[in-house]
């Protein structure tokens, strides 16, 4: 016999599937290849299947991609990886890796927010992640948890500033105002994190191989 908690969990799964179906339909209308994965493990297998043998792989600044264990598996398969989250590298090395991400064969990234009508919203500090999402790599693969879905652009921007950016700043031990307050304080400081804002309305014309996997679990920030 199902317990009240089992019924509760099933209701959450049902809602996730309903919301994801709505967003996926909207994304497809906007020219993206979009599909739903019940778990991050399912998404991981789908992503790996899309990476051709011998392809160079760029990794955007994404907690989601890293928590899925994709980088380790891709390395084990012998791919050349451009990942700037390497402890101890110089600023010059960091920037060189970010530039290589712009011309890689496959670019893996997360997303800060996706609206119900299929728009991708992101805010960057350096800008390499959003740049690679727009143009450059031969194939882009984006993975986003159900927690990234928002009603509209305004809600997406609010989510990024009040949730994603403070958490990322705190994770990296940046002494930024939002990392201290736990929410956006609309700062205008020299070390401000929110520097580049993009809203992708449709699949970029120069990037037709743009795959999006929505995961029925919370992933990343």
N, C-alpha and C. Protein backbone atom coordinates (compact mmCIF):
# COMPACT_ATOMS: atom_id res chain seq x y z
N UNK A 1 0.85 -1.20 0.00
CA UNK A 1 0.00 0.00 0.00
C UNK A 1 0.88 1.25 0.00
N UNK A 2 0.56 2.19 -0.86
CA UNK A 2 1.34 3.42 -0.94
C UNK A 2 1.13 4.25 0.31
N UNK A 3 2.21 4.83 0.82
CA UNK A 3 2.10 5.72 1.97
C UNK A 3 1.77 7.11 1.50
N UNK A 4 1.43 7.98 2.45
CA UNK A 4 1.12 9.36 2.10
C UNK A 4 2.33 10.03 1.47
N UNK A 5 3.55 9.62 1.90
CA UNK A 5 4.75 10.23 1.34
C UNK A 5 4.99 9.75 -0.08
N UNK A 6 4.70 8.47 -0.36
CA UNK A 6 4.82 7.96 -1.72
C UNK A 6 3.87 8.70 -2.65
N UNK A 7 2.64 8.89 -2.22
CA UNK A 7 1.67 9.62 -3.02
C UNK A 7 2.14 11.04 -3.27
N UNK A 8 2.71 11.64 -2.24
CA UNK A 8 3.21 13.01 -2.35
C UNK A 8 4.32 13.09 -3.38
N UNK A 9 5.28 12.14 -3.32
CA UNK A 9 6.38 12.12 -4.27
C UNK A 9 5.88 11.91 -5.69
N UNK A 10 4.91 11.04 -5.87
CA UNK A 10 4.37 10.79 -7.19
C UNK A 10 3.68 12.03 -7.75
N UNK A 11 3.07 12.80 -6.89
CA UNK A 11 2.41 14.03 -7.33
C UNK A 11 3.44 15.05 -7.79
N UNK A 12 4.57 15.10 -7.10
CA UNK A 12 5.64 16.01 -7.50
C UNK A 12 6.20 15.60 -8.85
N UNK A 13 6.43 14.30 -9.03
CA UNK A 13 6.94 13.80 -10.31
C UNK A 13 5.95 14.12 -11.42
N UNK A 14 4.67 13.92 -11.16
CA UNK A 14 3.63 14.22 -12.16
C UNK A 14 3.68 15.69 -12.55
N UNK A 15 3.79 16.57 -11.57
CA UNK A 15 3.82 18.00 -11.88
C UNK A 15 5.08 18.35 -12.68
N UNK A 16 6.21 17.79 -12.30
CA UNK A 16 7.45 18.05 -13.04
C UNK A 16 7.29 17.66 -14.50
N UNK A 17 6.67 16.52 -14.73
CA UNK A 17 6.49 16.05 -16.11
C UNK A 17 5.55 16.96 -16.89
N UNK A 18 4.50 17.45 -16.24
CA UNK A 18 3.56 18.34 -16.90
C UNK A 18 4.21 19.67 -17.27
N UNK A 19 4.95 20.23 -16.33
CA UNK A 19 5.63 21.50 -16.58
C UNK A 19 6.69 21.33 -17.66
N UNK A 20 7.48 20.26 -17.55
CA UNK A 20 8.53 20.02 -18.53
C UNK A 20 7.96 19.84 -19.93
N UNK A 21 6.85 19.14 -20.05
CA UNK A 21 6.22 18.92 -21.36
C UNK A 21 5.84 20.25 -22.00
N UNK A 22 5.32 21.15 -21.18
CA UNK A 22 4.93 22.47 -21.69
C UNK A 22 6.15 23.25 -22.18
N UNK A 23 7.23 23.20 -21.41
CA UNK A 23 8.44 23.93 -21.78
C UNK A 23 9.10 23.31 -23.01
N UNK A 24 9.14 21.99 -23.06
CA UNK A 24 9.75 21.31 -24.20
C UNK A 24 9.02 21.63 -25.50
N UNK A 25 7.71 21.66 -25.44
CA UNK A 25 6.93 22.03 -26.63
C UNK A 25 7.29 23.45 -27.08
N UNK A 26 7.43 24.35 -26.11
CA UNK A 26 7.78 25.74 -26.43
C UNK A 26 9.19 25.82 -27.01
N UNK A 27 10.13 25.06 -26.45
CA UNK A 27 11.50 25.07 -26.94
C UNK A 27 11.59 24.55 -28.37
N UNK A 28 10.83 23.51 -28.66
CA UNK A 28 10.83 22.96 -30.02
C UNK A 28 10.29 23.97 -31.02
N UNK A 29 9.29 24.72 -30.62
CA UNK A 29 8.74 25.75 -31.50
C UNK A 29 9.76 26.85 -31.77
N UNK A 30 10.70 26.99 -30.86
CA UNK A 30 11.75 28.00 -31.01
C UNK A 30 13.00 27.44 -31.68
N UNK A 31 12.91 26.21 -32.19
CA UNK A 31 13.98 25.65 -33.00
C UNK A 31 15.00 24.79 -32.28
N UNK A 32 14.82 24.54 -30.99
CA UNK A 32 15.76 23.72 -30.23
C UNK A 32 15.38 22.24 -30.31
N UNK A 33 16.37 21.37 -30.15
CA UNK A 33 16.11 19.94 -29.95
C UNK A 33 15.94 19.76 -28.45
N UNK A 34 14.73 19.53 -28.00
CA UNK A 34 14.47 19.47 -26.56
C UNK A 34 13.81 18.17 -26.15
N UNK A 35 14.20 17.65 -24.99
CA UNK A 35 13.59 16.42 -24.48
C UNK A 35 13.68 16.38 -22.96
N UNK A 36 12.92 15.48 -22.37
CA UNK A 36 12.82 15.37 -20.92
C UNK A 36 13.52 14.11 -20.43
N UNK A 37 14.25 14.25 -19.33
CA UNK A 37 14.89 13.11 -18.67
C UNK A 37 14.42 13.09 -17.23
N UNK A 38 13.96 11.95 -16.78
CA UNK A 38 13.42 11.86 -15.43
C UNK A 38 14.48 12.13 -14.37
N UNK A 39 15.70 11.66 -14.62
CA UNK A 39 16.79 11.85 -13.65
C UNK A 39 18.03 12.41 -14.34
N UNK A 40 18.95 12.92 -13.52
CA UNK A 40 20.21 13.44 -14.04
C UNK A 40 21.04 12.32 -14.65
N UNK A 41 20.91 11.12 -14.10
CA UNK A 41 21.63 9.97 -14.64
C UNK A 41 21.15 9.65 -16.05
N UNK A 42 19.85 9.74 -16.28
CA UNK A 42 19.30 9.54 -17.63
C UNK A 42 19.85 10.60 -18.58
N UNK A 43 19.89 11.83 -18.11
CA UNK A 43 20.38 12.94 -18.94
C UNK A 43 21.85 12.74 -19.28
N UNK A 44 22.60 12.26 -18.32
CA UNK A 44 24.03 12.01 -18.55
C UNK A 44 24.24 11.06 -19.71
N UNK A 45 23.48 9.98 -19.76
CA UNK A 45 23.62 9.02 -20.85
C UNK A 45 23.24 9.64 -22.19
N UNK A 46 22.21 10.46 -22.20
CA UNK A 46 21.77 11.12 -23.43
C UNK A 46 22.85 12.08 -23.93
N UNK A 47 23.46 12.81 -23.01
CA UNK A 47 24.52 13.75 -23.38
C UNK A 47 25.71 13.00 -23.97
N UNK A 48 26.14 11.96 -23.31
CA UNK A 48 27.30 11.19 -23.79
C UNK A 48 27.05 10.61 -25.17
N UNK A 49 25.83 10.22 -25.46
CA UNK A 49 25.49 9.66 -26.77
C UNK A 49 25.60 10.70 -27.89
N UNK A 50 25.54 11.97 -27.53
CA UNK A 50 25.58 13.04 -28.54
C UNK A 50 27.00 13.54 -28.82
N UNK A 51 27.98 13.04 -28.08
CA UNK A 51 29.36 13.50 -28.27
C UNK A 51 30.09 12.53 -29.19
N UNK A 52 30.44 12.97 -30.41
CA UNK A 52 31.11 12.08 -31.36
C UNK A 52 32.51 11.67 -30.89
N UNK A 53 32.96 10.55 -31.34
CA UNK A 53 34.31 10.09 -31.04
C UNK A 53 35.33 11.11 -31.54
N UNK A 54 36.29 11.45 -30.71
CA UNK A 54 37.34 12.37 -31.11
C UNK A 54 36.99 13.84 -31.03
N UNK A 55 35.78 14.17 -30.63
CA UNK A 55 35.35 15.57 -30.56
C UNK A 55 36.03 16.30 -29.41
N UNK A 56 36.35 17.57 -29.63
CA UNK A 56 36.82 18.41 -28.53
C UNK A 56 35.60 18.91 -27.78
N UNK A 57 35.72 19.01 -26.45
CA UNK A 57 34.57 19.35 -25.62
C UNK A 57 34.88 20.54 -24.72
N UNK A 58 34.06 21.58 -24.82
CA UNK A 58 34.19 22.74 -23.95
C UNK A 58 33.18 22.63 -22.82
N UNK A 59 33.58 23.07 -21.64
CA UNK A 59 32.72 23.00 -20.46
C UNK A 59 32.44 24.41 -19.96
N UNK A 60 31.18 24.83 -20.01
CA UNK A 60 30.83 26.14 -19.48
C UNK A 60 30.86 26.13 -17.97
N UNK A 61 30.81 27.30 -17.37
CA UNK A 61 30.79 27.40 -15.91
C UNK A 61 29.47 26.89 -15.38
N UNK A 62 29.37 25.59 -15.14
CA UNK A 62 28.10 24.98 -14.77
C UNK A 62 28.27 23.96 -13.65
N UNK A 63 27.59 24.18 -12.53
CA UNK A 63 27.59 23.21 -11.44
C UNK A 63 26.85 21.95 -11.89
N UNK A 64 25.78 22.12 -12.65
CA UNK A 64 24.98 20.99 -13.12
C UNK A 64 25.83 19.98 -13.89
N UNK A 65 26.57 20.46 -14.88
CA UNK A 65 27.39 19.58 -15.72
C UNK A 65 28.41 18.83 -14.87
N UNK A 66 29.02 19.53 -13.94
CA UNK A 66 30.07 18.90 -13.12
C UNK A 66 29.50 17.89 -12.13
N UNK A 67 28.36 18.20 -11.53
CA UNK A 67 27.76 17.30 -10.55
C UNK A 67 27.25 16.01 -11.21
N UNK A 68 27.02 16.05 -12.50
CA UNK A 68 26.55 14.86 -13.21
C UNK A 68 27.66 13.86 -13.49
N UNK A 69 28.91 14.25 -13.22
CA UNK A 69 30.03 13.36 -13.46
C UNK A 69 30.40 13.24 -14.93
N UNK A 70 29.97 14.19 -15.73
CA UNK A 70 30.23 14.13 -17.16
C UNK A 70 31.70 14.33 -17.51
N UNK A 71 32.35 15.24 -16.81
CA UNK A 71 33.73 15.55 -17.16
C UNK A 71 34.63 14.33 -17.01
N UNK A 72 34.48 13.61 -15.92
CA UNK A 72 35.30 12.43 -15.68
C UNK A 72 35.07 11.38 -16.77
N UNK A 73 33.81 11.17 -17.12
CA UNK A 73 33.50 10.16 -18.14
C UNK A 73 34.04 10.58 -19.51
N UNK A 74 33.92 11.86 -19.83
CA UNK A 74 34.42 12.35 -21.12
C UNK A 74 35.94 12.21 -21.20
N UNK A 75 36.62 12.51 -20.09
CA UNK A 75 38.07 12.33 -20.05
C UNK A 75 38.44 10.87 -20.25
N UNK A 76 37.70 9.98 -19.62
CA UNK A 76 37.98 8.55 -19.74
C UNK A 76 37.82 8.06 -21.18
N UNK A 77 36.99 8.76 -21.94
CA UNK A 77 36.79 8.38 -23.34
C UNK A 77 37.85 8.98 -24.27
N UNK A 78 38.77 9.75 -23.70
CA UNK A 78 39.89 10.26 -24.48
C UNK A 78 39.66 11.59 -25.19
N UNK A 79 38.60 12.29 -24.86
CA UNK A 79 38.33 13.58 -25.50
C UNK A 79 39.24 14.67 -24.94
N UNK A 80 39.59 15.61 -25.78
CA UNK A 80 40.29 16.81 -25.32
C UNK A 80 39.24 17.75 -24.73
N UNK A 81 39.47 18.19 -23.50
CA UNK A 81 38.48 19.00 -22.79
C UNK A 81 39.03 20.39 -22.50
N UNK A 82 38.18 21.39 -22.69
CA UNK A 82 38.53 22.77 -22.35
C UNK A 82 37.69 23.18 -21.14
N UNK A 83 38.29 23.05 -19.97
CA UNK A 83 37.60 23.32 -18.72
C UNK A 83 38.43 24.31 -17.90
N UNK A 84 37.89 25.50 -17.68
CA UNK A 84 38.66 26.54 -16.98
C UNK A 84 38.57 26.43 -15.46
N UNK A 85 37.77 25.50 -14.94
CA UNK A 85 37.68 25.31 -13.48
C UNK A 85 38.81 24.40 -13.00
N UNK A 86 40.03 24.82 -13.23
CA UNK A 86 41.21 24.05 -12.83
C UNK A 86 41.96 24.85 -11.77
N UNK A 87 42.08 24.32 -10.57
CA UNK A 87 42.78 25.05 -9.50
C UNK A 87 44.23 25.37 -9.86
N UNK A 88 44.64 26.57 -9.55
CA UNK A 88 46.05 26.93 -9.69
C UNK A 88 46.49 27.45 -11.03
N UNK A 89 45.60 27.49 -12.03
CA UNK A 89 46.03 28.01 -13.34
C UNK A 89 46.10 29.53 -13.29
N UNK A 90 46.92 30.09 -14.16
CA UNK A 90 47.08 31.55 -14.21
C UNK A 90 45.89 32.19 -14.92
N UNK A 91 45.77 33.50 -14.80
CA UNK A 91 44.69 34.21 -15.47
C UNK A 91 44.81 34.06 -16.98
N UNK A 92 46.05 34.07 -17.49
CA UNK A 92 46.26 33.92 -18.92
C UNK A 92 45.81 32.53 -19.40
N UNK A 93 46.13 31.50 -18.62
CA UNK A 93 45.71 30.14 -18.97
C UNK A 93 44.19 30.02 -18.90
N UNK A 94 43.60 30.63 -17.90
CA UNK A 94 42.15 30.60 -17.74
C UNK A 94 41.46 31.20 -18.96
N UNK A 95 41.91 32.37 -19.38
CA UNK A 95 41.30 33.04 -20.53
C UNK A 95 41.53 32.26 -21.83
N UNK A 96 42.70 31.64 -21.95
CA UNK A 96 42.99 30.85 -23.15
C UNK A 96 42.04 29.67 -23.27
N UNK A 97 41.75 29.02 -22.14
CA UNK A 97 40.82 27.89 -22.15
C UNK A 97 39.42 28.37 -22.51
N UNK A 98 39.00 29.49 -21.94
CA UNK A 98 37.67 30.03 -22.25
C UNK A 98 37.53 30.34 -23.74
N UNK A 99 38.61 30.82 -24.35
CA UNK A 99 38.55 31.12 -25.80
C UNK A 99 38.45 29.84 -26.61
N UNK A 100 39.11 28.78 -26.15
CA UNK A 100 39.03 27.51 -26.88
C UNK A 100 37.61 26.94 -26.82
N UNK A 101 36.88 27.26 -25.77
CA UNK A 101 35.49 26.80 -25.66
C UNK A 101 34.63 27.36 -26.80
N UNK A 102 35.02 28.50 -27.32
CA UNK A 102 34.23 29.15 -28.37
C UNK A 102 34.34 28.44 -29.71
N UNK A 103 35.37 27.61 -29.87
CA UNK A 103 35.57 26.93 -31.16
C UNK A 103 35.64 25.41 -31.01
N UNK A 104 35.14 24.89 -29.90
CA UNK A 104 35.17 23.44 -29.69
C UNK A 104 34.11 22.74 -30.54
N UNK A 105 34.20 21.43 -30.61
CA UNK A 105 33.20 20.66 -31.37
C UNK A 105 31.88 20.57 -30.62
N UNK A 106 31.97 20.35 -29.31
CA UNK A 106 30.76 20.20 -28.48
C UNK A 106 30.92 21.06 -27.23
N UNK A 107 29.92 21.87 -26.96
CA UNK A 107 29.94 22.72 -25.77
C UNK A 107 28.86 22.28 -24.80
N UNK A 108 29.25 21.98 -23.57
CA UNK A 108 28.31 21.56 -22.53
C UNK A 108 28.07 22.70 -21.56
N UNK A 109 26.82 22.94 -21.24
CA UNK A 109 26.50 24.05 -20.35
C UNK A 109 25.21 23.81 -19.60
N UNK A 110 25.03 24.58 -18.56
CA UNK A 110 23.75 24.62 -17.87
C UNK A 110 23.02 25.87 -18.30
N UNK A 111 22.03 26.26 -17.52
CA UNK A 111 21.26 27.47 -17.83
C UNK A 111 20.74 28.03 -16.51
N UNK A 112 20.76 29.35 -16.39
CA UNK A 112 20.29 29.97 -15.15
C UNK A 112 18.78 29.92 -15.00
N UNK A 113 18.07 30.09 -16.11
CA UNK A 113 16.60 30.07 -16.05
C UNK A 113 16.03 29.82 -17.45
N UNK A 114 14.91 29.11 -17.50
CA UNK A 114 14.18 28.86 -18.74
C UNK A 114 12.72 29.20 -18.50
N UNK A 115 12.16 30.06 -19.33
CA UNK A 115 10.77 30.46 -19.14
C UNK A 115 9.82 29.38 -19.65
N UNK A 116 8.59 29.45 -19.19
CA UNK A 116 7.58 28.50 -19.63
C UNK A 116 7.36 28.55 -21.14
N UNK A 117 7.60 29.72 -21.73
CA UNK A 117 7.43 29.84 -23.18
C UNK A 117 8.73 29.62 -23.95
N UNK A 118 9.76 29.07 -23.28
CA UNK A 118 10.94 28.59 -23.99
C UNK A 118 12.09 29.54 -24.22
N UNK A 119 12.20 30.60 -23.45
CA UNK A 119 13.34 31.51 -23.60
C UNK A 119 14.42 31.16 -22.57
N UNK A 120 15.68 31.26 -23.00
CA UNK A 120 16.82 30.92 -22.15
C UNK A 120 17.41 32.20 -21.58
N UNK A 121 17.48 32.28 -20.26
CA UNK A 121 17.98 33.49 -19.60
C UNK A 121 19.25 33.16 -18.83
N UNK A 122 20.28 33.96 -19.03
CA UNK A 122 21.55 33.75 -18.34
C UNK A 122 22.21 35.07 -17.99
N UNK A 123 22.95 35.06 -16.90
CA UNK A 123 23.78 36.20 -16.52
C UNK A 123 25.18 35.68 -16.24
N UNK A 124 26.18 36.29 -16.88
CA UNK A 124 27.57 35.87 -16.75
C UNK A 124 28.44 36.95 -16.12
N UNK A 125 29.56 36.49 -15.60
CA UNK A 125 30.58 37.38 -15.06
C UNK A 125 31.60 37.72 -16.15
N UNK A 126 32.14 36.68 -16.81
CA UNK A 126 33.14 36.87 -17.87
C UNK A 126 32.49 36.95 -19.24
N UNK A 127 31.50 36.11 -19.51
CA UNK A 127 30.79 36.16 -20.77
C UNK A 127 31.09 35.02 -21.72
N UNK A 128 32.08 34.18 -21.40
CA UNK A 128 32.43 33.09 -22.31
C UNK A 128 31.32 32.05 -22.43
N UNK A 129 30.62 31.80 -21.34
CA UNK A 129 29.56 30.78 -21.36
C UNK A 129 28.43 31.19 -22.30
N UNK A 130 27.93 32.41 -22.14
CA UNK A 130 26.82 32.84 -22.98
C UNK A 130 27.27 33.05 -24.42
N UNK A 131 28.53 33.46 -24.60
CA UNK A 131 29.05 33.64 -25.96
C UNK A 131 29.06 32.31 -26.71
N UNK A 132 29.51 31.25 -26.04
CA UNK A 132 29.57 29.94 -26.68
C UNK A 132 28.18 29.37 -26.92
N UNK A 133 27.20 29.76 -26.11
CA UNK A 133 25.83 29.30 -26.32
C UNK A 133 25.23 29.94 -27.57
N UNK A 134 25.73 31.11 -27.93
CA UNK A 134 25.16 31.86 -29.05
C UNK A 134 25.81 31.49 -30.38
N UNK A 135 27.15 31.38 -30.39
CA UNK A 135 27.84 31.12 -31.66
C UNK A 135 29.23 30.55 -31.40
N UNK A 136 29.65 29.63 -32.26
CA UNK A 136 31.01 29.12 -32.20
C UNK A 136 31.10 27.61 -32.25
N UNK A 137 30.73 26.91 -31.18
CA UNK A 137 30.82 25.44 -31.17
C UNK A 137 29.92 24.81 -32.24
N UNK A 138 30.33 23.64 -32.72
CA UNK A 138 29.53 22.95 -33.74
C UNK A 138 28.24 22.40 -33.14
N UNK A 139 28.28 22.05 -31.86
CA UNK A 139 27.11 21.49 -31.19
C UNK A 139 27.07 22.00 -29.76
N UNK A 140 25.90 22.40 -29.30
CA UNK A 140 25.72 22.84 -27.92
C UNK A 140 24.74 21.91 -27.22
N UNK A 141 25.10 21.47 -26.02
CA UNK A 141 24.23 20.60 -25.23
C UNK A 141 24.00 21.27 -23.88
N UNK A 142 22.76 21.57 -23.60
CA UNK A 142 22.39 22.27 -22.36
C UNK A 142 21.56 21.34 -21.48
N UNK A 143 21.92 21.28 -20.21
CA UNK A 143 21.17 20.47 -19.24
C UNK A 143 20.66 21.39 -18.14
N UNK A 144 19.37 21.30 -17.84
CA UNK A 144 18.78 22.16 -16.80
C UNK A 144 17.82 21.37 -15.94
N UNK A 145 17.92 21.55 -14.64
CA UNK A 145 17.00 20.91 -13.71
C UNK A 145 15.65 21.60 -13.71
N UNK A 146 14.67 20.92 -13.16
CA UNK A 146 13.31 21.46 -13.11
C UNK A 146 13.25 22.75 -12.30
N UNK A 147 14.23 22.95 -11.42
CA UNK A 147 14.28 24.17 -10.60
C UNK A 147 14.62 25.41 -11.41
N UNK A 148 15.06 25.24 -12.66
CA UNK A 148 15.43 26.39 -13.49
C UNK A 148 14.24 26.96 -14.27
N UNK A 149 13.11 26.29 -14.23
CA UNK A 149 11.95 26.75 -14.99
C UNK A 149 11.23 27.86 -14.23
N UNK A 150 10.95 28.95 -14.95
CA UNK A 150 10.29 30.12 -14.35
C UNK A 150 9.14 30.56 -15.24
N UNK A 151 8.27 31.39 -14.68
CA UNK A 151 7.09 31.81 -15.44
C UNK A 151 7.44 32.70 -16.63
N UNK A 152 8.29 33.71 -16.40
CA UNK A 152 8.59 34.67 -17.47
C UNK A 152 9.98 35.24 -17.28
N UNK A 153 10.35 36.16 -18.16
CA UNK A 153 11.70 36.75 -18.12
C UNK A 153 11.95 37.47 -16.80
N UNK A 154 10.98 38.23 -16.34
CA UNK A 154 11.14 38.96 -15.08
C UNK A 154 11.43 38.00 -13.93
N UNK A 155 10.68 36.89 -13.88
CA UNK A 155 10.90 35.90 -12.82
C UNK A 155 12.26 35.23 -12.98
N UNK A 156 12.69 35.04 -14.22
CA UNK A 156 13.99 34.43 -14.47
C UNK A 156 15.13 35.30 -13.99
N UNK A 157 15.06 36.58 -14.31
CA UNK A 157 16.11 37.51 -13.87
C UNK A 157 16.14 37.60 -12.35
N UNK A 158 14.96 37.60 -11.74
CA UNK A 158 14.90 37.66 -10.29
C UNK A 158 15.50 36.40 -9.67
N UNK A 159 15.19 35.26 -10.28
CA UNK A 159 15.74 34.00 -9.78
C UNK A 159 17.26 34.00 -9.84
N UNK A 160 17.80 34.46 -10.96
CA UNK A 160 19.25 34.48 -11.12
C UNK A 160 19.91 35.37 -10.08
N UNK A 161 19.35 36.56 -9.89
CA UNK A 161 19.97 37.52 -8.98
C UNK A 161 19.78 37.16 -7.51
N UNK A 162 18.65 36.54 -7.18
CA UNK A 162 18.37 36.24 -5.77
C UNK A 162 18.75 34.82 -5.35
N UNK A 163 18.95 33.93 -6.33
CA UNK A 163 19.26 32.54 -6.00
C UNK A 163 20.61 32.11 -6.58
N UNK A 164 20.72 32.09 -7.90
CA UNK A 164 21.91 31.53 -8.55
C UNK A 164 23.18 32.31 -8.25
N UNK A 165 23.14 33.62 -8.42
CA UNK A 165 24.36 34.41 -8.22
C UNK A 165 24.85 34.41 -6.78
N UNK A 166 23.98 34.63 -5.78
CA UNK A 166 24.47 34.55 -4.40
C UNK A 166 25.06 33.18 -4.05
N UNK A 167 24.42 32.10 -4.52
CA UNK A 167 24.94 30.76 -4.23
C UNK A 167 26.29 30.52 -4.90
N UNK A 168 26.42 30.94 -6.16
CA UNK A 168 27.69 30.77 -6.85
C UNK A 168 28.79 31.59 -6.20
N UNK A 169 28.46 32.81 -5.80
CA UNK A 169 29.45 33.67 -5.15
C UNK A 169 29.87 33.09 -3.81
N UNK A 170 28.91 32.54 -3.07
CA UNK A 170 29.22 31.93 -1.78
C UNK A 170 30.06 30.67 -1.96
N UNK A 171 29.71 29.86 -2.98
CA UNK A 171 30.46 28.63 -3.25
C UNK A 171 31.92 28.93 -3.56
N UNK A 172 32.17 30.01 -4.26
CA UNK A 172 33.53 30.35 -4.66
C UNK A 172 34.24 31.25 -3.65
N UNK A 173 33.57 31.48 -2.53
CA UNK A 173 34.15 32.28 -1.44
C UNK A 173 34.51 33.69 -1.90
N UNK A 174 33.68 34.21 -2.80
CA UNK A 174 33.86 35.60 -3.22
C UNK A 174 33.21 36.51 -2.18
N UNK A 175 33.91 37.53 -1.78
CA UNK A 175 33.35 38.44 -0.78
C UNK A 175 32.43 39.47 -1.39
N UNK A 176 31.53 39.02 -2.22
CA UNK A 176 30.62 39.93 -2.89
C UNK A 176 29.42 40.23 -2.00
N UNK A 177 28.77 41.35 -2.27
CA UNK A 177 27.65 41.78 -1.43
C UNK A 177 26.55 40.73 -1.37
N UNK A 178 26.23 40.11 -2.51
CA UNK A 178 25.14 39.12 -2.53
C UNK A 178 25.53 37.84 -1.78
N UNK A 179 26.83 37.52 -1.77
CA UNK A 179 27.29 36.33 -1.06
C UNK A 179 27.18 36.51 0.45
N UNK A 180 27.20 37.75 0.88
CA UNK A 180 27.05 38.06 2.30
C UNK A 180 25.57 38.15 2.68
N UNK A 181 24.79 38.84 1.84
CA UNK A 181 23.37 39.06 2.15
C UNK A 181 22.51 37.83 1.83
N UNK A 182 22.94 37.02 0.85
CA UNK A 182 22.15 35.86 0.45
C UNK A 182 21.11 36.19 -0.60
N UNK A 183 21.14 37.41 -1.11
CA UNK A 183 20.21 37.83 -2.16
C UNK A 183 20.82 39.04 -2.86
N UNK A 184 20.25 39.43 -3.98
CA UNK A 184 20.77 40.57 -4.73
C UNK A 184 20.55 41.87 -3.96
N UNK A 185 21.58 42.70 -3.94
CA UNK A 185 21.46 44.02 -3.31
C UNK A 185 21.63 45.13 -4.35
N UNK A 186 21.54 44.73 -5.65
CA UNK A 186 21.67 45.67 -6.76
C UNK A 186 22.95 46.50 -6.63
N UNK A 187 24.06 45.80 -6.39
CA UNK A 187 25.34 46.49 -6.22
C UNK A 187 25.86 47.01 -7.56
N UNK A 188 26.77 47.94 -7.48
CA UNK A 188 27.45 48.45 -8.67
C UNK A 188 28.93 48.58 -8.33
N UNK A 189 29.49 47.46 -7.86
CA UNK A 189 30.85 47.43 -7.37
C UNK A 189 31.81 46.91 -8.43
N UNK A 190 33.11 47.17 -8.28
CA UNK A 190 34.10 46.70 -9.27
C UNK A 190 34.10 45.18 -9.46
N UNK A 191 33.72 44.42 -8.41
CA UNK A 191 33.72 42.95 -8.53
C UNK A 191 32.32 42.39 -8.75
N UNK A 192 31.42 43.19 -9.27
CA UNK A 192 30.04 42.78 -9.53
C UNK A 192 30.00 41.52 -10.40
N UNK A 193 29.21 40.53 -10.00
CA UNK A 193 29.11 39.27 -10.75
C UNK A 193 28.23 39.40 -11.98
N UNK A 194 27.14 40.13 -11.85
CA UNK A 194 26.15 40.22 -12.94
C UNK A 194 26.57 41.27 -13.96
N UNK A 195 27.31 40.84 -14.97
CA UNK A 195 27.87 41.77 -15.95
C UNK A 195 27.30 41.60 -17.36
N UNK A 196 26.97 40.37 -17.72
CA UNK A 196 26.48 40.10 -19.08
C UNK A 196 25.16 39.34 -18.99
N UNK A 197 24.09 39.95 -19.48
CA UNK A 197 22.77 39.33 -19.44
C UNK A 197 22.33 38.98 -20.85
N UNK A 198 21.91 37.72 -21.06
CA UNK A 198 21.42 37.32 -22.38
C UNK A 198 20.07 36.64 -22.26
N UNK A 199 19.25 36.88 -23.26
CA UNK A 199 17.96 36.19 -23.39
C UNK A 199 17.93 35.60 -24.80
N UNK A 200 18.02 34.30 -24.91
CA UNK A 200 17.98 33.65 -26.22
C UNK A 200 16.52 33.35 -26.55
N UNK A 201 16.00 34.05 -27.55
CA UNK A 201 14.59 33.95 -27.91
C UNK A 201 14.29 32.72 -28.77
N UNK A 202 15.26 32.39 -29.64
CA UNK A 202 15.11 31.22 -30.51
C UNK A 202 16.49 30.60 -30.71
N UNK A 203 16.51 29.39 -31.22
CA UNK A 203 17.79 28.74 -31.48
C UNK A 203 18.61 29.62 -32.42
N UNK A 204 19.83 30.00 -32.04
CA UNK A 204 20.65 30.86 -32.89
C UNK A 204 20.82 30.28 -34.29
N UNK A 205 20.73 31.13 -35.28
CA UNK A 205 20.80 30.68 -36.68
C UNK A 205 22.10 29.95 -36.99
N UNK A 206 23.19 30.38 -36.36
CA UNK A 206 24.48 29.75 -36.62
C UNK A 206 24.77 28.56 -35.73
N UNK A 207 23.79 28.14 -34.94
CA UNK A 207 23.99 27.03 -34.00
C UNK A 207 22.79 26.09 -34.03
N UNK A 208 22.53 25.46 -35.19
CA UNK A 208 21.32 24.63 -35.33
C UNK A 208 21.33 23.35 -34.51
N UNK A 209 22.54 22.86 -34.14
CA UNK A 209 22.62 21.64 -33.32
C UNK A 209 22.66 22.03 -31.84
N UNK A 210 21.54 22.51 -31.36
CA UNK A 210 21.41 22.99 -29.98
C UNK A 210 20.43 22.06 -29.26
N UNK A 211 20.96 21.24 -28.36
CA UNK A 211 20.15 20.24 -27.66
C UNK A 211 19.92 20.67 -26.21
N UNK A 212 18.68 20.53 -25.75
CA UNK A 212 18.33 20.89 -24.38
C UNK A 212 17.68 19.70 -23.69
N UNK A 213 18.21 19.33 -22.54
CA UNK A 213 17.63 18.26 -21.73
C UNK A 213 17.10 18.85 -20.43
N UNK A 214 15.80 18.75 -20.23
CA UNK A 214 15.20 19.16 -18.97
C UNK A 214 15.14 17.94 -18.05
N UNK A 215 15.61 18.10 -16.84
CA UNK A 215 15.69 16.99 -15.89
C UNK A 215 14.63 17.16 -14.81
N UNK A 216 13.95 16.07 -14.50
CA UNK A 216 12.89 16.12 -13.50
C UNK A 216 13.41 16.10 -12.07
N UNK A 217 14.56 16.68 -11.85
CA UNK A 217 15.17 16.82 -10.53
C UNK A 217 15.77 18.21 -10.43
N UNK A 218 16.02 18.65 -9.22
CA UNK A 218 16.72 19.92 -9.04
C UNK A 218 18.19 19.69 -9.35
N UNK A 219 18.75 20.53 -10.21
CA UNK A 219 20.15 20.41 -10.60
C UNK A 219 20.81 21.78 -10.54
N UNK A 220 21.95 21.86 -9.89
CA UNK A 220 22.68 23.12 -9.85
C UNK A 220 21.94 24.22 -9.12
N UNK A 221 22.40 25.45 -9.38
CA UNK A 221 21.83 26.62 -8.72
C UNK A 221 20.85 27.35 -9.63
